[in-house]
């Protein structure tokens, strides 16, 4: 194998050493194949074959792991709850209330029980909000207001985050917009709920999204007289 044709330059010492190291590998080849290629070429072919085998083994183990320990598909907790406020038509008629010194219309009301033992439906929302802030019952009955009841939520922060995720306004976050989003826990008499409101203000504001504590709703919402049904 190491014979050098007459007149050809002698191979470098490292190549001769490599050929000697490959000799045990070539001994496994049939005698009529050994001379077809140089030892270093056979070594390269063996290296490529080993790499391919390792790649195939890796894919096989990955497939087996997924079959045995597959994670369940990620659940979309917000499915069916998204309200694209950018698609809401412009508000008409007199504003419903004053909020942070601004006249505004209530466009979306989202209510969720704080416990799975509490059952709510949309027909109860106006009465509940009337207990929360006098005058809000008539506001909720306005034809401009969309009322949505979500399943029970376990935590106030989780509800607020979900409400804000599900109510895109079409405006970049932090920029002035005619949308004001309020969310938090509310106490409607003896009935505790989670409440989210999407309000459309008369003029753009930087108020954006805010969390309201259970005792702040009376201070924040001031219904106006003459709310249209």
Protein backbone atom coordinates (compact mmCIF):
# COMPACT_ATOMS: atom_id res chain seq x y z
CA UNK A 1 0.00 0.00 0.00
CA UNK A 2 2.86 2.35 0.78
CA UNK A 3 4.76 1.56 -2.43
CA UNK A 4 5.58 4.75 -4.34
CA UNK A 5 5.63 4.62 -8.17
CA UNK A 6 9.04 5.31 -9.67
CA UNK A 7 9.57 9.04 -10.24
CA UNK A 8 6.65 10.07 -8.00
CA UNK A 9 7.35 12.24 -4.94
CA UNK A 10 7.43 10.39 -1.65
CA UNK A 11 4.28 10.88 0.45
CA UNK A 12 4.71 12.93 3.64
CA UNK A 13 5.44 11.16 6.88
CA UNK A 14 1.96 11.95 8.37
CA UNK A 15 0.29 10.28 5.38
CA UNK A 16 2.38 7.18 5.78
CA UNK A 17 1.48 7.07 9.47
CA UNK A 18 -2.22 7.46 8.60
CA UNK A 19 -2.06 4.61 6.13
CA UNK A 20 -0.49 2.37 8.77
CA UNK A 21 -3.26 3.25 11.21
CA UNK A 22 -5.90 2.44 8.60
CA UNK A 23 -4.44 -0.97 7.88
CA UNK A 24 -6.65 -2.80 10.46
CA UNK A 25 -9.70 -1.22 8.84
CA UNK A 26 -8.69 -2.30 5.37
CA UNK A 27 -8.17 -5.86 6.57
CA UNK A 28 -11.96 -6.15 6.84
CA UNK A 29 -12.41 -5.38 3.13
CA UNK A 30 -12.38 -8.07 0.47
CA UNK A 31 -8.97 -8.41 -1.09
CA UNK A 32 -10.20 -7.36 -4.54
CA UNK A 33 -11.52 -4.03 -3.16
CA UNK A 34 -8.55 -2.92 -1.11
CA UNK A 35 -6.49 -1.85 -4.08
CA UNK A 36 -9.24 0.12 -5.80
CA UNK A 37 -8.75 3.18 -3.62
CA UNK A 38 -6.00 4.63 -1.49
CA UNK A 39 -6.20 3.84 2.23
CA UNK A 40 -6.94 7.45 3.14
CA UNK A 41 -9.90 7.46 0.73
CA UNK A 42 -11.28 4.33 2.34
CA UNK A 43 -10.81 6.03 5.71
CA UNK A 44 -12.77 9.07 4.53
CA UNK A 45 -15.58 6.84 3.28
CA UNK A 46 -15.67 5.08 6.66
CA UNK A 47 -15.79 8.43 8.48
CA UNK A 48 -18.72 9.64 6.34
CA UNK A 49 -20.54 6.36 6.94
CA UNK A 50 -20.08 6.70 10.71
CA UNK A 51 -21.37 10.29 10.66
CA UNK A 52 -24.43 9.26 8.66
CA UNK A 53 -25.09 6.44 11.07
CA UNK A 54 -24.89 8.85 14.02
CA UNK A 55 -27.29 11.27 12.34
CA UNK A 56 -29.78 8.48 11.65
CA UNK A 57 -29.41 7.26 15.23
CA UNK A 58 -30.08 10.77 16.54
CA UNK A 59 -33.26 11.12 14.46
CA UNK A 60 -34.39 7.66 15.56
CA UNK A 61 -33.86 8.45 19.24
CA UNK A 62 -35.65 11.79 18.84
CA UNK A 63 -38.63 10.09 17.19
CA UNK A 64 -38.69 7.43 19.91
CA UNK A 65 -38.51 10.05 22.68
CA UNK A 66 -41.43 11.97 21.20
CA UNK A 67 -43.47 8.80 20.97
CA UNK A 68 -42.75 7.76 24.54
CA UNK A 69 -42.65 11.16 26.26
CA UNK A 70 -44.61 13.39 23.91
CA UNK A 71 -45.75 16.70 25.40
CA UNK A 72 -49.44 17.46 24.93
CA UNK A 73 -50.30 20.06 22.34
CA UNK A 74 -50.11 23.59 23.71
CA UNK A 75 -53.55 24.75 24.71
CA UNK A 76 -54.68 28.12 23.42
CA UNK A 77 -56.32 29.55 26.53
CA UNK A 78 -57.44 32.66 24.66
CA UNK A 79 -59.30 30.78 21.92
CA UNK A 80 -62.77 32.22 21.43
CA UNK A 81 -62.11 35.20 23.70
CA UNK A 82 -60.38 37.64 21.38
CA UNK A 83 -62.18 40.90 20.65
CA UNK A 84 -60.59 42.99 17.92
CA UNK A 85 -61.53 46.46 19.06
CA UNK A 86 -60.08 47.94 15.88
CA UNK A 87 -63.02 46.40 14.01
CA UNK A 88 -65.66 47.94 16.27
CA UNK A 89 -67.72 50.65 14.54
CA UNK A 90 -67.43 54.21 15.81
CA UNK A 91 -69.54 55.06 18.83
CA UNK A 92 -72.69 57.11 18.27
CA UNK A 93 -74.99 58.97 20.63
CA UNK A 94 -74.13 60.68 23.91
CA UNK A 95 -71.21 59.24 25.93
CA UNK A 96 -72.08 56.81 28.69
CA UNK A 97 -69.83 57.98 31.49
CA UNK A 98 -66.93 60.06 32.73
CA UNK A 99 -63.68 58.24 33.42
CA UNK A 100 -60.48 59.96 34.58
CA UNK A 101 -62.06 63.25 33.53
CA UNK A 102 -62.88 62.03 30.01
CA UNK A 103 -66.26 61.39 28.43
CA UNK A 104 -66.39 57.84 27.07
CA UNK A 105 -68.58 55.08 25.70
CA UNK A 106 -68.56 51.56 27.09
CA UNK A 107 -68.03 49.21 24.14
CA UNK A 108 -67.13 45.88 25.74
CA UNK A 109 -67.88 44.34 29.13
CA UNK A 110 -66.15 41.08 30.09
CA UNK A 111 -67.23 39.39 33.30
CA UNK A 112 -65.89 36.19 34.87
CA UNK A 113 -66.76 34.40 38.12
CA UNK A 114 -64.01 34.23 40.73
CA UNK A 115 -65.02 30.65 41.58
CA UNK A 116 -66.24 27.63 39.67
CA UNK A 117 -69.10 27.40 42.15
CA UNK A 118 -70.50 30.72 40.91
CA UNK A 119 -72.61 30.59 37.74
CA UNK A 120 -73.07 33.74 35.65
CA UNK A 121 -74.75 34.52 32.33
CA UNK A 122 -75.07 37.69 30.29
CA UNK A 123 -78.57 38.46 31.58
CA UNK A 124 -77.16 39.04 35.08
CA UNK A 125 -74.41 41.46 34.10
CA UNK A 126 -76.45 44.69 34.07
CA UNK A 127 -77.82 43.97 37.56
CA UNK A 128 -74.35 43.13 38.89
CA UNK A 129 -72.79 46.32 37.52
CA UNK A 130 -75.67 48.37 38.88
CA UNK A 131 -74.70 47.07 42.32
CA UNK A 132 -71.08 47.96 41.62
CA UNK A 133 -71.69 51.53 40.38
CA UNK A 134 -75.21 53.00 40.35
CA UNK A 135 -76.16 53.86 36.78
CA UNK A 136 -73.92 51.23 35.17
CA UNK A 137 -76.89 48.87 34.71
CA UNK A 138 -78.46 51.22 32.17
CA UNK A 139 -75.07 51.67 30.47
CA UNK A 140 -74.65 47.93 29.99
CA UNK A 141 -78.10 47.68 28.42
CA UNK A 142 -77.10 50.15 25.70
CA UNK A 143 -77.04 48.64 22.22
CA UNK A 144 -73.46 49.88 21.80
CA UNK A 145 -72.21 47.56 24.55
CA UNK A 146 -71.10 44.01 23.89
CA UNK A 147 -71.35 41.79 26.98
CA UNK A 148 -69.24 38.64 27.28
CA UNK A 149 -69.11 36.15 30.16
CA UNK A 150 -65.93 34.10 30.50
CA UNK A 151 -65.51 30.86 32.45
CA UNK A 152 -64.38 31.13 36.06
CA UNK A 153 -60.90 32.57 36.58
CA UNK A 154 -58.69 31.61 39.49
CA UNK A 155 -56.52 34.72 39.86
CA UNK A 156 -56.99 38.44 39.33
CA UNK A 157 -53.64 38.88 37.62
CA UNK A 158 -54.36 36.01 35.24
CA UNK A 159 -57.72 37.50 34.31
CA UNK A 160 -56.26 40.96 33.74
CA UNK A 161 -53.44 39.63 31.58
CA UNK A 162 -55.86 37.53 29.53
CA UNK A 163 -58.27 40.45 29.09
CA UNK A 164 -55.52 42.73 27.85
CA UNK A 165 -54.13 40.06 25.50
CA UNK A 166 -57.57 39.47 24.00
CA UNK A 167 -58.44 43.11 23.30
CA UNK A 168 -56.13 44.48 20.60
CA UNK A 169 -56.97 48.07 19.71
CA UNK A 170 -55.07 48.43 16.46
CA UNK A 171 -52.85 51.10 18.04
CA UNK A 172 -49.24 50.55 19.17
CA UNK A 173 -48.99 49.96 22.90
CA UNK A 174 -47.98 53.15 24.69
CA UNK A 175 -49.25 55.49 21.97
CA UNK A 176 -52.25 57.81 22.22
CA UNK A 177 -55.50 56.11 21.25
CA UNK A 178 -59.25 56.48 21.84
CA UNK A 179 -59.26 53.20 23.78
CA UNK A 180 -59.04 52.86 27.54
CA UNK A 181 -58.97 49.31 28.96
CA UNK A 182 -59.75 48.67 32.63
CA UNK A 183 -59.58 45.31 34.39
CA UNK A 184 -59.62 43.99 37.93
CA UNK A 185 -61.61 42.41 40.70
CA UNK A 186 -64.96 43.96 41.58
CA UNK A 187 -67.44 43.45 44.40
CA UNK A 188 -71.06 43.68 43.21
CA UNK A 189 -72.85 43.62 46.52
CA UNK A 190 -72.06 40.19 47.88
CA UNK A 191 -71.05 38.79 44.48
CA UNK A 192 -67.32 39.05 43.68
CA UNK A 193 -66.41 39.02 39.98
CA UNK A 194 -63.56 39.79 37.65
CA UNK A 195 -64.42 42.71 35.38
CA UNK A 196 -62.89 44.04 32.18
CA UNK A 197 -64.12 47.16 30.36
CA UNK A 198 -63.16 48.51 26.94
CA UNK A 199 -64.00 52.21 26.83
CA UNK A 200 -63.87 54.45 23.77
CA UNK A 201 -63.02 58.03 24.76
CA UNK A 202 -64.06 61.22 22.98
CA UNK A 203 -60.46 62.11 22.26
CA UNK A 204 -57.23 60.12 22.13
CA UNK A 205 -55.49 59.59 25.43
CA UNK A 206 -52.29 57.97 26.71
CA UNK A 207 -54.08 56.21 29.59
CA UNK A 208 -54.02 52.89 27.72
CA UNK A 209 -54.48 49.80 29.90
CA UNK A 210 -55.00 49.97 33.64
CA UNK A 211 -55.70 47.60 36.51
CA UNK A 212 -58.43 48.76 38.89
CA UNK A 213 -58.59 47.55 42.47
CA UNK A 214 -61.79 46.32 44.06
CA UNK A 215 -62.36 49.66 45.84
CA UNK A 216 -61.56 51.97 42.92
CA UNK A 217 -64.48 51.30 40.55
CA UNK A 218 -66.74 53.83 42.28
CA UNK A 219 -64.00 56.44 42.05
CA UNK A 220 -63.19 55.75 38.38
CA UNK A 221 -66.61 55.28 36.74
CA UNK A 222 -69.17 58.07 36.73
CA UNK A 223 -72.20 57.23 34.54
CA UNK A 224 -73.87 60.19 32.80
CA UNK A 225 -77.58 60.76 32.72
CA UNK A 226 -79.43 60.22 29.48
CA UNK A 227 -77.61 57.06 28.38
CA UNK A 228 -79.39 55.79 25.28
CA UNK A 229 -80.84 52.25 25.49
